[in-house]
């Protein structure tokens, strides 16, 4: 539509011929084709984005609208250089035979031949000028559309990061090893990994992602257009799957998962890289719908990775009100728990904790309010959550961490295990009874029933 209306202000012969056939017809036809192209593009985005875009891009050429606007625009830049190459004859050469005709009434044979020769030269000059304009126009258009092919190594690097992420989750799932999660999110990550959405039957979903990223790396080594198209569809399917998993994470599970969000963000970046690379190799513009989908997936990944649980929100509000100290312990201590706390302090044992760590508060709650004052707890976090030098010297990497008889034990431990590791025999193991769930509800929130797994002993 813009090209049709712009021809009114151009002096291009193609524009003049086009507009002389009827401006109203061309305007109505352009509006109809624009609406049809929009509907086809919308349908093609879901069914066949590549073929629909090629069809839409061919519409302006069919109507000769693109040639009309481009000819008028390029003539201003390349026309002057072409006219300087072959200059047309001056009007004096045509004026002389005309003057002779006006004076005598009869044009002589010599004057006639001279006039015919000048007219032929003028036509030849015009043809050469038009040919130079067309050649220079083609050269300028080629310079404007040519793009250097995009390097393939960024795609391989991003796919490699995704393979590492999915490979680690696959290893944790198959080997049943503890999952290393960011601070305060270990239980949420473990619940997400143990949910029914994390597997397709007996096959972990992370294993499927690992294989898909491996295929992307293998296909990226080829320059064949058919192989590149297969890689595009594979990355597109991975992006849609990541979007669906992020929707389940946010709307159904209501739990944050840093590994899941990382994989979704990598799939969004991968789709963008593959789309831009294919667009450059095919000398076309990147499809905005694909880039918009990648942006939506990236935002969903950001939300899924930082989604707080209700229990974490309540615990964080409580811990922030007492920082840099721990919130007070609410349960009472037995004589056995007090004796164990004194024994641990006398033997030089230490438990390194952080005020914002819910697992640390869980470990403190096991001792009770009286015994926790006697136990050797060491605060490792400052107000801004940075590690203090005393804990840095001990190479403390997670909280809570026990050091008993020179041996480091990561994660919370039951009191009976602490008594066994430290050699405490004043009370039997059954004297240390675990706290019930109601005593720790202010830390973890209401517990889910029949989960079948106890996640309290995981470290962070």
Foldseek 3Di string as FASTA:
>chain_A
DVLLVVLVPFDDPVSVVLCVVDSVVLVVVVVVLVVVLVVLCVVCVPPPNVVSVVVNVCVCVVSCSVVSNLLRVLCVPQLVVQCVVQPQDDCVQVVVQVVVCVVPVDRDPVNVVSNVVSVVSNVVSVVSSVVSSVVVSVVVVCVVLADDFDDLVVLLVLLVVLLVLLVVLQCCLVVVDQDDDPFPARVLQVCVCPDPVQADVPHGPSVVSNVLSVLLNVLSVDPDLVSLVVSLVSLVVQLVVLVVVLCCLVPPVLGAHLSSLSSNLSSLVSNVVSQVNSCNVVSHDRDPVSNVSSVVSNVSSVCRNPRDDPLLVLLQVQLLVDPQDAHAADFAADPVLLVLQQLCVVQPKEWEAGRSHLLQSLLLNLSHRVNSVSHHYDYQQHSVGDGDPVVVVVVDDWPTWMQEPNDIDAFHDASLVSCVRNVNDPDHSVVRDGDDVVSSCSNRNDDDPPPVDDPSRRID
